[in-house]
C-alpha atoms as a PDB file:
ATOM      1  CA  MET A   1      20.289   0.698 -41.703  1.00  0.00           C
ATOM      2  CA  LYS A   2      20.857  -0.328 -45.373  1.00  0.00           C
ATOM      3  CA  LEU A   3      17.702  -1.832 -46.925  1.00  0.00           C
ATOM      4  CA  HIS A   4      16.798  -3.591 -50.167  1.00  0.00           C
ATOM      5  CA  ILE A   5      13.297  -4.151 -51.386  1.00  0.00           C
ATOM      6  CA  SER A   6      12.186  -6.657 -53.936  1.00  0.00           C
ATOM      7  CA  ILE A   7       8.990  -7.989 -55.386  1.00  0.00           C
ATOM      8  CA  HIS A   8       9.108 -11.721 -55.860  1.00  0.00           C
ATOM      9  CA  ASP A   9       7.458 -13.954 -58.424  1.00  0.00           C
ATOM     10  CA  THR A  10       7.187 -11.412 -61.090  1.00  0.00           C
ATOM     11  CA  SER A  11       5.200 -13.094 -63.896  1.00  0.00           C
ATOM     12  CA  PRO A  12       2.227 -12.321 -65.976  1.00  0.00           C
ATOM     13  CA  THR A  13       0.274 -14.589 -63.690  1.00  0.00           C
ATOM     14  CA  TRP A  14       0.517 -11.918 -60.943  1.00  0.00           C
ATOM     15  CA  ARG A  15       0.219  -8.985 -63.246  1.00  0.00           C
ATOM     16  CA  SER A  16      -2.271  -7.053 -60.989  1.00  0.00           C
ATOM     17  CA  GLU A  17      -0.602  -7.807 -57.710  1.00  0.00           C
ATOM     18  CA  ILE A  18       2.863  -6.797 -59.336  1.00  0.00           C
ATOM     19  CA  GLU A  19       1.230  -3.460 -60.225  1.00  0.00           C
ATOM     20  CA  GLN A  20      -0.254  -3.052 -56.776  1.00  0.00           C
ATOM     21  CA  ALA A  21       3.137  -3.725 -55.078  1.00  0.00           C
ATOM     22  CA  LEU A  22       4.851  -1.237 -57.465  1.00  0.00           C
ATOM     23  CA  ALA A  23       2.240   1.395 -56.652  1.00  0.00           C
ATOM     24  CA  LEU A  24       2.778   0.883 -52.938  1.00  0.00           C
ATOM     25  CA  CYS A  25       6.503   1.286 -53.202  1.00  0.00           C
ATOM     26  CA  HIS A  26       6.298   4.183 -55.705  1.00  0.00           C
ATOM     27  CA  ALA A  27       4.010   6.101 -53.348  1.00  0.00           C
ATOM     28  CA  ARG A  28       6.929   6.013 -50.904  1.00  0.00           C
ATOM     29  CA  HIS A  29       9.581   6.912 -53.519  1.00  0.00           C
ATOM     30  CA  ILE A  30      11.046   3.425 -53.508  1.00  0.00           C
ATOM     31  CA  LYS A  31      12.136   1.603 -56.544  1.00  0.00           C
ATOM     32  CA  PRO A  32      12.032  -2.213 -55.778  1.00  0.00           C
ATOM     33  CA  ALA A  33      13.882  -4.889 -57.523  1.00  0.00           C
ATOM     34  CA  LEU A  34      11.700  -7.359 -59.531  1.00  0.00           C
ATOM     35  CA  LEU A  35      12.475 -11.076 -59.332  1.00  0.00           C
ATOM     36  CA  VAL A  36      11.396 -12.445 -62.765  1.00  0.00           C
ATOM     37  CA  VAL A  37      10.197 -16.032 -63.177  1.00  0.00           C
ATOM     38  CA  PRO A  38      10.713 -16.885 -66.924  1.00  0.00           C
ATOM     39  CA  ASN A  39       7.817 -19.490 -66.880  1.00  0.00           C
ATOM     40  CA  LEU A  40       5.911 -19.698 -63.634  1.00  0.00           C
ATOM     41  CA  HIS A  41       4.886 -23.200 -62.818  1.00  0.00           C
ATOM     42  CA  GLY A  42       5.296 -23.927 -66.559  1.00  0.00           C
ATOM     43  CA  GLU A  43       2.160 -22.055 -67.320  1.00  0.00           C
ATOM     44  CA  ALA A  44       3.134 -18.418 -67.994  1.00  0.00           C
ATOM     45  CA  PRO A  45       6.034 -18.016 -70.410  1.00  0.00           C
ATOM     46  CA  LEU A  46       7.333 -14.521 -70.415  1.00  0.00           C
ATOM     47  CA  LEU A  47       8.043 -14.404 -74.112  1.00  0.00           C
ATOM     48  CA  GLU A  48       4.364 -15.012 -74.962  1.00  0.00           C
ATOM     49  CA  HIS A  49       3.482 -11.965 -73.053  1.00  0.00           C
ATOM     50  CA  ALA A  50       5.116  -9.118 -75.013  1.00  0.00           C
ATOM     51  CA  ASP A  51       3.301  -6.296 -73.303  1.00  0.00           C
ATOM     52  CA  PHE A  52       4.381  -7.568 -69.882  1.00  0.00           C
ATOM     53  CA  ALA A  53       8.028  -7.930 -71.021  1.00  0.00           C
ATOM     54  CA  GLU A  54       7.852  -4.443 -72.491  1.00  0.00           C
ATOM     55  CA  HIS A  55       6.745  -3.077 -69.170  1.00  0.00           C
ATOM     56  CA  LEU A  56       9.648  -4.806 -67.393  1.00  0.00           C
ATOM     57  CA  ARG A  57      12.019  -3.290 -69.883  1.00  0.00           C
ATOM     58  CA  SER A  58      10.580   0.255 -69.154  1.00  0.00           C
ATOM     59  CA  LEU A  59      10.876  -0.372 -65.383  1.00  0.00           C
ATOM     60  CA  GLN A  60      14.512  -1.372 -65.713  1.00  0.00           C
ATOM     61  CA  LYS A  61      15.207   1.789 -67.769  1.00  0.00           C
ATOM     62  CA  GLU A  62      13.651   3.671 -64.796  1.00  0.00           C
ATOM     63  CA  GLY A  63      16.168   2.158 -62.439  1.00  0.00           C
ATOM     64  CA  HIS A  64      14.444  -0.949 -61.203  1.00  0.00           C
ATOM     65  CA  GLU A  65      16.723  -3.993 -60.858  1.00  0.00           C
ATOM     66  CA  MET A  66      15.866  -7.145 -62.615  1.00  0.00           C
ATOM     67  CA  PHE A  67      16.805 -10.562 -60.968  1.00  0.00           C
ATOM     68  CA  LEU A  68      16.424 -13.955 -62.470  1.00  0.00           C
ATOM     69  CA  HIS A  69      14.227 -15.919 -60.032  1.00  0.00           C
ATOM     70  CA  GLY A  70      14.473 -19.532 -61.024  1.00  0.00           C
ATOM     71  CA  TYR A  71      12.896 -20.668 -64.237  1.00  0.00           C
ATOM     72  CA  PHE A  72       9.662 -22.474 -63.234  1.00  0.00           C
ATOM     73  CA  HIS A  73       9.633 -21.591 -59.521  1.00  0.00           C
ATOM     74  CA  LYS A  74       8.467 -25.127 -58.787  1.00  0.00           C
ATOM     75  CA  ALA A  75      10.222 -28.289 -57.773  1.00  0.00           C
ATOM     76  CA  THR A  76      10.128 -30.844 -60.679  1.00  0.00           C
ATOM     77  CA  ALA A  77      10.762 -34.021 -58.712  1.00  0.00           C
ATOM     78  CA  THR A  78       9.826 -35.747 -55.409  1.00  0.00           C
ATOM     79  CA  GLU A  79      12.271 -36.903 -52.831  1.00  0.00           C
ATOM     80  CA  ALA A  80      11.637 -40.466 -53.904  1.00  0.00           C
ATOM     81  CA  GLU A  81      12.286 -39.716 -57.616  1.00  0.00           C
ATOM     82  CA  ARG A  82      15.516 -37.803 -56.712  1.00  0.00           C
ATOM     83  CA  GLY A  83      16.711 -39.980 -53.963  1.00  0.00           C
ATOM     84  CA  THR A  84      17.484 -37.184 -51.617  1.00  0.00           C
ATOM     85  CA  ASN A  85      17.267 -36.959 -47.945  1.00  0.00           C
ATOM     86  CA  ARG A  86      13.605 -37.103 -46.989  1.00  0.00           C
ATOM     87  CA  VAL A  87      14.011 -34.704 -44.057  1.00  0.00           C
ATOM     88  CA  ARG A  88      15.798 -32.187 -46.141  1.00  0.00           C
ATOM     89  CA  TRP A  89      13.155 -32.457 -48.872  1.00  0.00           C
ATOM     90  CA  TYR A  90      10.336 -31.999 -46.403  1.00  0.00           C
ATOM     91  CA  VAL A  91      11.906 -28.798 -45.014  1.00  0.00           C
ATOM     92  CA  GLU A  92      12.663 -27.310 -48.409  1.00  0.00           C
ATOM     93  CA  GLN A  93       9.496 -28.300 -50.244  1.00  0.00           C
ATOM     94  CA  ARG A  94       6.871 -28.457 -47.554  1.00  0.00           C
ATOM     95  CA  LEU A  95       7.875 -26.560 -44.571  1.00  0.00           C
ATOM     96  CA  VAL A  96       9.789 -23.604 -46.186  1.00  0.00           C
ATOM     97  CA  SER A  97       7.793 -23.681 -49.446  1.00  0.00           C
ATOM     98  CA  ASN A  98       4.817 -25.199 -51.199  1.00  0.00           C
ATOM     99  CA  ARG A  99       7.035 -27.456 -53.416  1.00  0.00           C
ATOM    100  CA  GLU A 100       8.479 -24.353 -54.914  1.00  0.00           C
ATOM    101  CA  ALA A 101      12.238 -24.660 -53.977  1.00  0.00           C
ATOM    102  CA  GLU A 102      13.044 -25.308 -57.556  1.00  0.00           C
ATOM    103  CA  PHE A 103      16.821 -25.411 -57.088  1.00  0.00           C
ATOM    104  CA  GLY A 104      16.888 -27.511 -53.853  1.00  0.00           C
ATOM    105  CA  SER A 105      17.661 -30.830 -55.377  1.00  0.00           C
ATOM    106  CA  LEU A 106      19.058 -30.049 -58.787  1.00  0.00           C
ATOM    107  CA  SER A 107      22.295 -31.802 -59.929  1.00  0.00           C
ATOM    108  CA  ALA A 108      25.237 -29.675 -61.142  1.00  0.00           C
ATOM    109  CA  LYS A 109      24.180 -30.378 -64.742  1.00  0.00           C
ATOM    110  CA  GLU A 110      20.636 -29.496 -64.091  1.00  0.00           C
ATOM    111  CA  THR A 111      21.591 -26.301 -62.265  1.00  0.00           C
ATOM    112  CA  ARG A 112      23.560 -25.160 -65.296  1.00  0.00           C
ATOM    113  CA  ALA A 113      20.847 -26.021 -67.763  1.00  0.00           C
ATOM    114  CA  ARG A 114      18.157 -24.356 -65.671  1.00  0.00           C
ATOM    115  CA  LEU A 115      20.183 -21.158 -65.273  1.00  0.00           C
ATOM    116  CA  GLN A 116      20.884 -21.216 -69.032  1.00  0.00           C
ATOM    117  CA  LEU A 117      17.192 -21.449 -69.802  1.00  0.00           C
ATOM    118  CA  GLY A 118      16.471 -18.516 -67.650  1.00  0.00           C
ATOM    119  CA  GLU A 119      19.221 -16.349 -69.019  1.00  0.00           C
ATOM    120  CA  THR A 120      18.084 -17.046 -72.520  1.00  0.00           C
ATOM    121  CA  VAL A 121      14.536 -15.912 -71.729  1.00  0.00           C
ATOM    122  CA  MET A 122      15.713 -12.753 -69.924  1.00  0.00           C
ATOM    123  CA  CYS A 123      18.133 -11.903 -72.940  1.00  0.00           C
ATOM    124  CA  ASP A 124      15.416 -12.549 -75.427  1.00  0.00           C
ATOM    125  CA  ALA A 125      12.932 -10.273 -73.401  1.00  0.00           C
ATOM    126  CA  GLY A 126      15.566  -7.470 -73.612  1.00  0.00           C
ATOM    127  CA  LEU A 127      16.255  -7.674 -69.788  1.00  0.00           C
ATOM    128  CA  THR A 128      19.641  -7.188 -68.215  1.00  0.00           C
ATOM    129  CA  ILE A 129      20.191  -9.618 -65.329  1.00  0.00           C
ATOM    130  CA  ASP A 130      21.207  -7.818 -62.174  1.00  0.00           C
ATOM    131  CA  GLY A 131      21.417 -10.997 -60.099  1.00  0.00           C
ATOM    132  CA  PHE A 132      19.908 -14.270 -59.234  1.00  0.00           C
ATOM    133  CA  VAL A 133      17.599 -15.293 -56.403  1.00  0.00           C
ATOM    134  CA  PRO A 134      16.628 -19.014 -56.129  1.00  0.00           C
ATOM    135  CA  PRO A 135      12.965 -19.706 -55.376  1.00  0.00           C
ATOM    136  CA  ALA A 136      12.316 -20.242 -51.677  1.00  0.00           C
ATOM    137  CA  TRP A 137      15.950 -18.941 -51.149  1.00  0.00           C
ATOM    138  CA  THR A 138      17.062 -22.634 -51.568  1.00  0.00           C
ATOM    139  CA  PHE A 139      20.524 -23.398 -53.073  1.00  0.00           C
ATOM    140  CA  SER A 140      21.436 -26.605 -54.903  1.00  0.00           C
ATOM    141  CA  ALA A 141      24.843 -27.927 -53.889  1.00  0.00           C
ATOM    142  CA  SER A 142      26.497 -26.438 -57.035  1.00  0.00           C
ATOM    143  CA  LEU A 143      24.483 -23.180 -57.330  1.00  0.00           C
ATOM    144  CA  LEU A 144      26.975 -20.790 -55.783  1.00  0.00           C
ATOM    145  CA  GLU A 145      29.896 -22.252 -57.723  1.00  0.00           C
ATOM    146  CA  GLU A 146      27.930 -21.970 -60.988  1.00  0.00           C
ATOM    147  CA  LEU A 147      26.939 -18.377 -60.262  1.00  0.00           C
ATOM    148  CA  THR A 148      30.599 -17.619 -59.526  1.00  0.00           C
ATOM    149  CA  LYS A 149      31.635 -18.987 -62.816  1.00  0.00           C
ATOM    150  CA  ARG A 150      29.019 -16.945 -64.604  1.00  0.00           C
ATOM    151  CA  GLU A 151      30.207 -13.850 -62.662  1.00  0.00           C
ATOM    152  CA  TYR A 152      26.870 -12.909 -61.179  1.00  0.00           C
ATOM    153  CA  ALA A 153      27.135  -9.827 -59.017  1.00  0.00           C
ATOM    154  CA  TYR A 154      24.506 -10.820 -56.436  1.00  0.00           C
ATOM    155  CA  THR A 155      22.548 -13.768 -54.981  1.00  0.00           C
ATOM    156  CA  GLU A 156      20.917 -14.511 -51.615  1.00  0.00           C
ATOM    157  CA  ASP A 157      19.515 -17.224 -49.316  1.00  0.00           C
ATOM    158  CA  HIS A 158      17.538 -16.889 -46.112  1.00  0.00           C
ATOM    159  CA  LEU A 159      20.349 -15.757 -43.952  1.00  0.00           C
ATOM    160  CA  ARG A 160      23.101 -14.369 -46.254  1.00  0.00           C
ATOM    161  CA  ILE A 161      23.799 -12.169 -49.233  1.00  0.00           C
ATOM    162  CA  PHE A 162      26.539 -13.145 -51.736  1.00  0.00           C
ATOM    163  CA  SER A 163      28.564 -11.480 -54.335  1.00  0.00           C
ATOM    164  CA  PRO A 164      29.682 -14.518 -56.366  1.00  0.00           C
ATOM    165  CA  LYS A 165      31.829 -12.315 -58.733  1.00  0.00           C
ATOM    166  CA  LYS A 166      33.671 -10.735 -55.831  1.00  0.00           C
ATOM    167  CA  ARG A 167      33.551 -14.016 -53.736  1.00  0.00           C
ATOM    168  CA  ALA A 168      31.979 -12.086 -50.921  1.00  0.00           C
ATOM    169  CA  ARG A 169      29.290 -13.029 -48.481  1.00  0.00           C
ATOM    170  CA  GLN A 170      27.668 -11.330 -45.457  1.00  0.00           C
ATOM    171  CA  THR A 171      24.963 -12.097 -42.937  1.00  0.00           C
ATOM    172  CA  SER A 172      21.651 -10.397 -43.710  1.00  0.00           C
ATOM    173  CA  LEU A 173      18.166 -10.203 -42.296  1.00  0.00           C
ATOM    174  CA  VAL A 174      15.057 -10.827 -44.547  1.00  0.00           C
ATOM    175  CA  LEU A 175      11.682  -9.566 -43.689  1.00  0.00           C
ATOM    176  CA  ASN A 176       8.669 -11.215 -45.391  1.00  0.00           C
ATOM    177  CA  PHE A 177       5.272 -12.533 -44.839  1.00  0.00           C
ATOM    178  CA  ALA A 178       3.743 -15.994 -45.484  1.00  0.00           C
ATOM    179  CA  SER A 179       0.139 -16.422 -46.213  1.00  0.00           C
ATOM    180  CA  ARG A 180      -0.499 -20.264 -46.494  1.00  0.00           C
ATOM    181  CA  SER A 181      -2.021 -20.599 -43.013  1.00  0.00           C
ATOM    182  CA  LYS A 182      -3.347 -18.393 -40.229  1.00  0.00           C
ATOM    183  CA  TRP A 183      -0.398 -19.478 -38.077  1.00  0.00           C
ATOM    184  CA  ARG A 184       2.074 -18.372 -40.727  1.00  0.00           C
ATOM    185  CA  ILE A 185       0.297 -15.047 -41.189  1.00  0.00           C
ATOM    186  CA  ALA A 186       0.348 -14.246 -37.486  1.00  0.00           C
ATOM    187  CA  SER A 187       3.858 -15.570 -36.761  1.00  0.00           C
ATOM    188  CA  THR A 188       5.577 -13.716 -39.740  1.00  0.00           C
ATOM    189  CA  ALA A 189       3.732 -10.477 -39.042  1.00  0.00           C
ATOM    190  CA  ALA A 190       4.839 -10.656 -35.387  1.00  0.00           C
ATOM    191  CA  PHE A 191       8.421 -11.277 -36.405  1.00  0.00           C
ATOM    192  CA  VAL A 192       8.464  -8.363 -38.883  1.00  0.00           C
ATOM    193  CA  ARG A 193       6.981  -5.932 -36.274  1.00  0.00           C
ATOM    194  CA  LEU A 194       9.556  -7.067 -33.723  1.00  0.00           C
ATOM    195  CA  ALA A 195      12.455  -6.705 -36.213  1.00  0.00           C
ATOM    196  CA  THR A 196      11.498  -3.161 -37.290  1.00  0.00           C
ATOM    197  CA  ARG A 197      11.287  -2.042 -33.725  1.00  0.00           C
ATOM    198  CA  LEU A 198      14.650  -3.606 -32.709  1.00  0.00           C
ATOM    199  CA  HIS A 199      16.478  -2.158 -35.812  1.00  0.00           C
ATOM    200  CA  PRO A 200      19.128  -4.938 -35.913  1.00  0.00           C
ATOM    201  CA  PRO A 201      22.582  -3.760 -37.166  1.00  0.00           C
ATOM    202  CA  LEU A 202      22.385  -5.991 -40.276  1.00  0.00           C
ATOM    203  CA  PRO A 203      21.813  -5.287 -43.988  1.00  0.00           C
ATOM    204  CA  THR A 204      18.124  -6.097 -44.357  1.00  0.00           C
ATOM    205  CA  ARG A 205      15.948  -7.251 -47.220  1.00  0.00           C
ATOM    206  CA  ILE A 206      12.166  -6.833 -47.613  1.00  0.00           C
ATOM    207  CA  ALA A 207      10.534  -9.411 -49.850  1.00  0.00           C
ATOM    208  CA  ILE A 208       6.984  -8.707 -51.107  1.00  0.00           C
ATOM    209  CA  HIS A 209       5.130 -11.748 -52.438  1.00  0.00           C
ATOM    210  CA  PRO A 210       2.097 -11.187 -54.694  1.00  0.00           C
ATOM    211  CA  THR A 211       0.021 -13.746 -52.692  1.00  0.00           C
ATOM    212  CA  ASP A 212       0.333 -11.674 -49.481  1.00  0.00           C
ATOM    213  CA  LEU A 213      -1.413  -8.673 -51.143  1.00  0.00           C
ATOM    214  CA  ARG A 214      -4.646 -10.837 -51.446  1.00  0.00           C
ATOM    215  CA  VAL A 215      -4.804 -11.080 -47.700  1.00  0.00           C
ATOM    216  CA  PRO A 216      -6.220  -7.862 -46.309  1.00  0.00           C
ATOM    217  CA  PHE A 217      -4.308  -8.144 -43.061  1.00  0.00           C
ATOM    218  CA  LEU A 218      -1.033  -8.736 -44.818  1.00  0.00           C
ATOM    219  CA  LEU A 219      -1.748  -5.952 -47.235  1.00  0.00           C
ATOM    220  CA  GLY A 220      -2.051  -3.543 -44.283  1.00  0.00           C
ATOM    221  CA  GLU A 221       1.138  -5.045 -42.746  1.00  0.00           C
ATOM    222  CA  THR A 222       3.003  -4.604 -46.083  1.00  0.00           C
ATOM    223  CA  GLU A 223       2.028  -0.854 -46.072  1.00  0.00           C
ATOM    224  CA  ARG A 224       3.175  -0.540 -42.540  1.00  0.00           C
ATOM    225  CA  LEU A 225       6.412  -2.186 -43.385  1.00  0.00           C
ATOM    226  CA  LEU A 226       6.950   0.088 -46.398  1.00  0.00           C
ATOM    227  CA  ASP A 227       6.152   3.176 -44.349  1.00  0.00           C
ATOM    228  CA  TRP A 228       9.079   2.056 -42.038  1.00  0.00           C
ATOM    229  CA  ALA A 229      11.293   1.285 -45.040  1.00  0.00           C
ATOM    230  CA  ALA A 230      10.797   4.856 -46.302  1.00  0.00           C
ATOM    231  CA  THR A 231      12.579   5.995 -43.163  1.00  0.00           C
ATOM    232  CA  GLN A 232      15.636   3.899 -43.818  1.00  0.00           C
ATOM    233  CA  THR A 233      18.474   4.024 -46.486  1.00  0.00           C
ATOM    234  CA  VAL A 234      17.086   1.981 -49.420  1.00  0.00           C
ATOM    235  CA  VAL A 235      19.875   0.759 -51.705  1.00  0.00           C
ATOM    236  CA  ARG A 236      20.463  -1.534 -54.605  1.00  0.00           C
ATOM    237  CA  ALA A 237      21.318  -5.066 -53.807  1.00  0.00           C
ATOM    238  CA  THR A 238      25.088  -4.939 -54.270  1.00  0.00           C
ATOM    239  CA  ASP A 239      25.263  -1.844 -52.071  1.00  0.00           C
ATOM    240  CA  LEU A 240      24.065  -3.894 -49.067  1.00  0.00           C
ATOM    241  CA  PHE A 241      27.623  -5.192 -48.545  1.00  0.00           C
ATOM    242  CA  ASP A 242      29.845  -3.427 -46.155  1.00  0.00           C
ATOM    243  CA  GLU A 243      32.623  -1.614 -47.877  1.00  0.00           C
ATOM    244  CA  ALA A 244      36.023  -3.276 -47.469  1.00  0.00           C
END
C-alpha cells in the first residue's frame, strides 16, 4: 500500500505539538509533509517568527515536503453574510470543521487573492511550495481551476487526490482523528483501526493534527497508527498516483 503522511496546521501556534509529531515520525524513519498556515487565525504570522521559518527551511532541505495550507485556516464570513446555502455552510463549517473551512465559500476573485497571499508568505519565508491542501479539505467552486492555472503539482480533498498540473485525479483514503468531542474521538479511532486492518487497495493519507496530540488517548492511537505506517510504503504526495 502506498501511503503519505502529513502534519497539518503547521504554525508557530503549535510549535511544541509540531515538534512532538515530527519526533514520533522520525523515530519510525518517516519524513512527513508539513502543511503550513501563513497566519493561523490571523494571530500567528509566519514571517514574524524567523526561527520557526528557519526550522521549516531546514526540514525542507532534509526532504520534508512543504504544502501551503490556506492562509488563515479560518472561515471569514457566515452563511448569512455570504448568502450561501445554509445546509452546505453548516456541513462545511460546523459538522466537518469548527468554522475552519477557509476556502469553502470564497468567490473566484477571493480564491485567487488568498492563494496569492499564501504564496507570497511562503516565498518570503524561503520555502518551496510542493502543493496546496485547503483547510478542512474543502474546495471553493473555483479552487481546482485556479490551482490548475498556477500549475500546482498536488492537492487533495476528503475523498480524492489531484494533480492539477497533470489534470489527474484519483480516489484516496484519508485516516485522521478528531478531538472536538468524545463521540468524534471514539468514532474516528474506531474507523482508523478498522481501515488499517482491512488494508483497502487505495492510496492512503495519514493526517496528524496538533490538537490530537493533546488528548492522551489519541496520542496513543497516533503512535499505533504510525507503527502500522512504518510497515507500508511511505511516499511523497505526487507518488500516490497510479502510474499511467
